[in-house]
């Protein structure tokens, strides 16, 4: 007799209990770096499967329960377009069975995606160019269609904006998310430069450009918000303290609501002009404020990009 029994229509057969019930689901827009993320998870000890049809996900997890010596990561994307409607109900069902599903969605700006497809000369999975048609326009239309198809899944996932990330930085960020300590919700604090664009992965964005700028203090200009002289300068500014206290109070007020909504991560982005001083200091300050009572991760988009 088969170990796998098909559930009645509209239902999912319960999975057996196990001590290591965790699955990382990697999805996102084509060209956003899913292969890099999957390789990073594989290097971190995950057993990874690429492009698994959603219909097979439950049976695959059931099979892994028999050995379950490694954590599992599965990549699902628009290549299985016909099965995508099954994915969200399946995720909810798995979570109701006690399976910890971390859904990681990789995204990037349309400009970045067009550039990547042009460089690799690979076709978009939804792109078809009629004879004599405009290939660039067809590519943009395919990307926008994919965004529409995956919009609901994106809303239920932790998002990483890879538009300006080098592969090494993306690998480090994915490993950080996967290795975050057990918590109902992990706070991700991210600094960025407004002149480089607002991160697509931010749940909340706070603008620190109204605060005094250490860039205009000659001896502080080459330093960053992680350096003690810059921290001392900003700590002495009452406006800086007041803004950060208000941001912290806002987060504390709404954290329980996000936890009740079964969110795994909440990304709070702080921006300034160059992403070097004020926003970096603010991220460090907030991470320290919440450390010890909430799982926290730190990202400095512009500083990380420098290597």
Protein backbone atom coordinates (compact mmCIF):
# COMPACT_ATOMS: atom_id res chain seq x y z
CA UNK A 1 0.00 0.00 0.00
CA UNK A 2 1.32 3.46 -0.87
CA UNK A 3 2.57 5.59 2.01
CA UNK A 4 0.98 8.63 0.35
CA UNK A 5 -2.77 8.85 0.38
CA UNK A 6 -4.44 11.48 -1.75
CA UNK A 7 -6.60 13.81 0.36
CA UNK A 8 -10.24 14.36 -0.52
CA UNK A 9 -10.85 17.24 -2.94
CA UNK A 10 -10.24 20.59 -1.26
CA UNK A 11 -8.50 19.00 1.76
CA UNK A 12 -4.92 18.14 2.72
CA UNK A 13 -3.94 15.01 4.61
CA UNK A 14 -2.17 15.90 7.89
CA UNK A 15 1.56 15.35 8.13
CA UNK A 16 3.18 13.40 10.98
CA UNK A 17 4.81 15.39 13.76
CA UNK A 18 8.59 15.78 13.80
CA UNK A 19 11.12 17.76 15.73
CA UNK A 20 12.55 19.62 12.75
CA UNK A 21 9.52 20.87 10.88
CA UNK A 22 10.96 23.70 8.82
CA UNK A 23 10.76 24.47 5.13
CA UNK A 24 12.15 27.53 3.36
CA UNK A 25 10.16 28.37 0.25
CA UNK A 26 12.20 30.43 -2.23
CA UNK A 27 10.21 32.26 -4.86
CA UNK A 28 10.14 35.62 -6.63
CA UNK A 29 10.52 37.42 -9.93
CA UNK A 30 12.56 35.71 -12.64
CA UNK A 31 16.07 37.14 -12.76
CA UNK A 32 15.99 38.35 -9.16
CA UNK A 33 18.54 35.82 -7.87
CA UNK A 34 16.61 32.73 -6.79
CA UNK A 35 19.41 30.40 -7.91
CA UNK A 36 21.93 32.35 -5.83
CA UNK A 37 19.63 32.18 -2.81
CA UNK A 38 19.12 28.45 -3.23
CA UNK A 39 22.88 27.87 -3.47
CA UNK A 40 23.38 29.93 -0.31
CA UNK A 41 20.89 27.75 1.55
CA UNK A 42 22.54 24.61 0.20
CA UNK A 43 25.89 25.86 1.50
CA UNK A 44 24.20 26.45 4.88
CA UNK A 45 23.20 22.78 5.07
CA UNK A 46 19.74 22.81 3.53
CA UNK A 47 18.53 20.08 1.19
CA UNK A 48 17.38 22.12 -1.83
CA UNK A 49 15.03 21.35 -4.69
CA UNK A 50 14.51 23.75 -7.59
CA UNK A 51 11.26 24.30 -9.52
CA UNK A 52 9.19 21.77 -7.62
CA UNK A 53 5.52 21.79 -8.73
CA UNK A 54 3.32 22.86 -5.79
CA UNK A 55 1.24 19.68 -6.17
CA UNK A 56 4.31 17.66 -5.13
CA UNK A 57 5.38 19.83 -2.18
CA UNK A 58 3.34 18.04 0.45
CA UNK A 59 4.42 14.57 -0.68
CA UNK A 60 8.01 15.75 -0.82
CA UNK A 61 7.84 17.01 2.77
CA UNK A 62 6.18 13.77 3.84
CA UNK A 63 9.05 11.80 2.25
CA UNK A 64 11.63 13.98 3.99
CA UNK A 65 9.96 13.26 7.33
CA UNK A 66 11.27 9.73 7.04
CA UNK A 67 14.86 10.93 7.29
CA UNK A 68 14.62 14.66 8.19
CA UNK A 69 18.31 15.01 8.96
CA UNK A 70 18.55 18.32 7.10
CA UNK A 71 16.39 21.39 6.76
CA UNK A 72 14.62 21.70 3.44
CA UNK A 73 14.46 24.54 0.93
CA UNK A 74 12.25 24.47 -2.15
CA UNK A 75 12.19 26.93 -5.07
CA UNK A 76 8.83 27.53 -6.74
CA UNK A 77 8.29 30.15 -9.42
CA UNK A 78 6.24 31.19 -12.42
CA UNK A 79 7.52 28.25 -14.48
CA UNK A 80 4.79 26.25 -12.71
CA UNK A 81 2.21 28.92 -13.49
CA UNK A 82 -0.71 26.51 -13.76
CA UNK A 83 -0.18 25.34 -10.17
CA UNK A 84 0.42 28.70 -8.48
CA UNK A 85 -3.18 29.03 -7.20
CA UNK A 86 -2.56 25.92 -5.07
CA UNK A 87 0.46 27.37 -3.32
CA UNK A 88 -1.01 29.79 -0.78
CA UNK A 89 -3.69 27.38 0.49
CA UNK A 90 -1.01 24.71 0.75
CA UNK A 91 1.27 26.99 2.78
CA UNK A 92 -1.60 27.75 5.18
CA UNK A 93 -2.35 24.04 5.49
CA UNK A 94 1.28 23.17 6.22
CA UNK A 95 1.48 25.85 8.89
CA UNK A 96 -1.72 24.59 10.51
CA UNK A 97 -0.01 21.17 10.73
CA UNK A 98 2.88 22.73 12.64
CA UNK A 99 5.28 22.95 9.70
CA UNK A 100 7.31 26.15 9.92
CA UNK A 101 7.22 27.60 6.40
CA UNK A 102 9.49 30.56 5.74
CA UNK A 103 8.47 32.08 2.43
CA UNK A 104 11.30 34.13 0.91
CA UNK A 105 10.43 36.31 -2.09
CA UNK A 106 13.21 37.83 -4.20
CA UNK A 107 12.37 40.99 -6.12
CA UNK A 108 14.18 43.62 -8.19
CA UNK A 109 13.34 46.76 -10.13
CA UNK A 110 12.23 46.34 -13.72
CA UNK A 111 15.31 48.23 -14.94
CA UNK A 112 17.60 45.85 -13.06
CA UNK A 113 15.76 42.80 -14.41
CA UNK A 114 15.89 44.03 -18.01
CA UNK A 115 19.62 44.63 -17.65
CA UNK A 116 20.21 41.14 -16.25
CA UNK A 117 18.23 39.41 -18.99
CA UNK A 118 20.12 41.45 -21.59
CA UNK A 119 23.46 40.47 -20.08
CA UNK A 120 22.69 36.76 -19.81
CA UNK A 121 20.75 36.60 -23.11
CA UNK A 122 18.30 34.20 -21.50
CA UNK A 123 14.57 34.49 -22.30
CA UNK A 124 12.02 35.36 -19.65
CA UNK A 125 9.78 32.31 -19.02
CA UNK A 126 6.65 34.34 -19.88
CA UNK A 127 8.12 36.26 -22.81
CA UNK A 128 7.17 35.59 -26.39
CA UNK A 129 8.20 37.95 -29.19
CA UNK A 130 6.07 37.86 -32.33
CA UNK A 131 7.80 38.13 -35.69
CA UNK A 132 8.99 41.70 -36.15
CA UNK A 133 8.02 42.54 -32.54
CA UNK A 134 9.87 44.68 -30.03
CA UNK A 135 11.87 42.28 -27.79
CA UNK A 136 12.56 44.90 -25.10
CA UNK A 137 8.89 45.79 -24.81
CA UNK A 138 7.91 42.12 -24.71
CA UNK A 139 10.37 41.57 -21.87
CA UNK A 140 8.97 44.44 -19.80
CA UNK A 141 5.42 43.20 -20.37
CA UNK A 142 6.43 39.70 -19.26
CA UNK A 143 7.99 41.09 -16.08
CA UNK A 144 4.87 43.11 -15.26
CA UNK A 145 2.65 40.08 -15.90
CA UNK A 146 4.80 38.02 -13.57
CA UNK A 147 4.47 40.69 -10.87
CA UNK A 148 0.68 40.47 -11.16
CA UNK A 149 0.67 36.68 -10.96
CA UNK A 150 2.91 36.62 -7.88
CA UNK A 151 1.50 39.70 -6.09
CA UNK A 152 -0.50 37.77 -3.50
CA UNK A 153 2.41 35.44 -2.73
CA UNK A 154 4.70 38.44 -2.33
CA UNK A 155 2.34 39.92 0.28
CA UNK A 156 2.65 36.75 2.36
CA UNK A 157 6.44 36.51 2.12
CA UNK A 158 9.64 38.04 3.39
CA UNK A 159 10.94 40.18 0.53
CA UNK A 160 14.56 40.87 -0.42
CA UNK A 161 15.18 43.60 -2.98
CA UNK A 162 18.17 42.44 -5.03
CA UNK A 163 18.25 45.42 -7.43
CA UNK A 164 21.58 46.69 -6.12
CA UNK A 165 22.98 43.60 -4.42
CA UNK A 166 26.09 41.80 -5.50
CA UNK A 167 25.77 37.97 -5.39
CA UNK A 168 28.00 37.78 -2.31
CA UNK A 169 25.81 40.23 -0.40
CA UNK A 170 22.64 38.38 -1.39
CA UNK A 171 24.14 35.10 -0.21
CA UNK A 172 25.01 36.68 3.15
CA UNK A 173 21.53 38.18 3.59
CA UNK A 174 19.82 34.86 2.77
CA UNK A 175 22.05 32.99 5.22
CA UNK A 176 21.24 35.61 7.85
CA UNK A 177 17.50 35.17 7.38
CA UNK A 178 17.72 31.40 7.41
CA UNK A 179 19.93 31.38 10.48
CA UNK A 180 17.89 33.83 12.55
CA UNK A 181 17.13 32.45 15.99
CA UNK A 182 13.71 31.05 16.74
CA UNK A 183 11.23 33.84 17.30
CA UNK A 184 7.60 34.57 16.55
CA UNK A 185 8.83 37.46 14.43
CA UNK A 186 12.28 38.69 13.39
CA UNK A 187 12.92 42.41 13.04
CA UNK A 188 15.10 43.35 10.07
CA UNK A 189 16.60 46.85 10.26
CA UNK A 190 17.96 48.13 6.95
CA UNK A 191 19.78 51.37 6.11
CA UNK A 192 19.78 52.81 2.61
CA UNK A 193 20.44 55.91 0.50
CA UNK A 194 17.42 57.70 -0.95
CA UNK A 195 19.51 58.70 -3.96
CA UNK A 196 19.81 54.97 -4.79
CA UNK A 197 16.09 54.33 -4.42
CA UNK A 198 13.81 53.05 -1.66
CA UNK A 199 14.21 49.28 -0.95
CA UNK A 200 11.41 47.18 -2.42
CA UNK A 201 11.59 44.87 0.60
CA UNK A 202 10.73 47.49 3.24
CA UNK A 203 7.53 47.13 5.27
CA UNK A 204 8.10 50.55 6.84
CA UNK A 205 10.34 53.39 5.61
CA UNK A 206 11.52 56.26 7.82
CA UNK A 207 13.26 59.34 6.41
CA UNK A 208 16.21 60.63 8.45
CA UNK A 209 17.27 63.36 6.01
CA UNK A 210 15.78 66.09 8.23
CA UNK A 211 18.36 65.33 10.93
CA UNK A 212 21.83 66.94 11.28
CA UNK A 213 24.22 65.39 8.75
CA UNK A 214 27.71 64.27 9.89
CA UNK A 215 28.78 64.44 6.24
CA UNK A 216 29.26 68.18 6.67
CA UNK A 217 31.70 67.71 9.54
CA UNK A 218 35.06 67.27 7.83
CA UNK A 219 36.55 64.73 10.23
CA UNK A 220 33.35 62.65 10.20
CA UNK A 221 32.80 62.61 6.44
CA UNK A 222 34.88 59.47 5.66
CA UNK A 223 33.43 57.54 8.63
CA UNK A 224 30.12 55.68 8.94
CA UNK A 225 27.31 55.46 11.47
CA UNK A 226 29.02 52.41 12.97
CA UNK A 227 32.04 54.49 14.05
CA UNK A 228 32.18 55.92 17.57
CA UNK A 229 32.83 59.57 16.58
CA UNK A 230 29.76 59.63 14.31
CA UNK A 231 27.67 57.90 16.98
CA UNK A 232 28.79 60.45 19.59
CA UNK A 233 27.93 63.33 17.25
CA UNK A 234 24.43 62.00 16.55
CA UNK A 235 23.75 61.01 20.16
CA UNK A 236 24.32 64.63 21.13
CA UNK A 237 21.49 65.78 18.80
CA UNK A 238 18.11 65.94 20.57
CA UNK A 239 16.23 65.58 17.26
CA UNK A 240 18.03 62.31 16.53
CA UNK A 241 17.15 60.86 19.91
CA UNK A 242 13.54 62.00 19.62
CA UNK A 243 13.03 60.52 16.14
CA UNK A 244 14.56 57.15 17.06
CA UNK A 245 12.51 56.96 20.27
CA UNK A 246 9.34 57.64 18.29
CA UNK A 247 10.22 54.98 15.71
CA UNK A 248 10.94 52.47 18.48
CA UNK A 249 7.64 53.29 20.20
CA UNK A 250 5.77 52.79 16.91
CA UNK A 251 7.40 49.39 16.35
CA UNK A 252 6.70 48.28 19.93
CA UNK A 253 3.07 49.31 19.58
CA UNK A 254 2.44 47.28 16.41
CA UNK A 255 4.70 44.25 16.90
CA UNK A 256 1.98 42.15 18.57
CA UNK A 257 -0.35 42.75 15.61
CA UNK A 258 2.28 41.54 13.13
CA UNK A 259 3.01 38.49 15.28
CA UNK A 260 -0.71 37.66 15.43
CA UNK A 261 -0.74 37.91 11.62
CA UNK A 262 1.84 35.09 11.48
CA UNK A 263 4.52 37.28 9.96
CA UNK A 264 8.01 35.79 10.12
CA UNK A 265 9.88 39.03 9.45
CA UNK A 266 9.21 42.77 9.60
CA UNK A 267 11.63 44.95 7.63
CA UNK A 268 12.08 48.51 8.89
CA UNK A 269 14.15 50.68 6.54
CA UNK A 270 15.83 53.93 7.54
CA UNK A 271 17.06 56.20 4.79
CA UNK A 272 19.30 59.24 4.51
CA UNK A 273 21.01 60.93 1.59
CA UNK A 274 24.02 58.63 1.19
CA UNK A 275 23.19 55.65 3.39
CA UNK A 276 26.43 56.13 5.31
CA UNK A 277 25.90 58.10 8.51
CA UNK A 278 22.42 58.85 9.88
CA UNK A 279 20.53 55.81 8.61
CA UNK A 280 23.37 53.45 9.57
CA UNK A 281 23.50 54.88 13.09
CA UNK A 282 19.71 54.65 13.36
CA UNK A 283 19.72 50.98 12.37
CA UNK A 284 22.45 50.18 14.90
CA UNK A 285 20.55 52.08 17.61
CA UNK A 286 17.25 50.32 16.95
CA UNK A 287 18.86 46.88 16.71
CA UNK A 288 20.49 47.45 20.09
CA UNK A 289 17.20 48.70 21.52
CA UNK A 290 15.34 45.52 20.54
CA UNK A 291 18.18 43.03 21.01
CA UNK A 292 17.50 40.53 23.77
CA UNK A 293 13.72 40.74 23.56
CA UNK A 294 13.26 40.27 19.80
CA UNK A 295 15.24 38.44 17.13
CA UNK A 296 16.93 41.13 15.03
CA UNK A 297 18.93 41.30 11.81
CA UNK A 298 20.95 44.24 10.49
CA UNK A 299 21.43 45.23 6.85
CA UNK A 300 23.34 48.24 5.52
CA UNK A 301 22.51 48.24 1.82
CA UNK A 302 25.03 50.80 0.63
CA UNK A 303 27.82 49.77 3.02
CA UNK A 304 27.34 46.06 2.25
CA UNK A 305 27.51 46.84 -1.48
CA UNK A 306 30.98 48.32 -1.00
CA UNK A 307 32.26 44.98 0.25
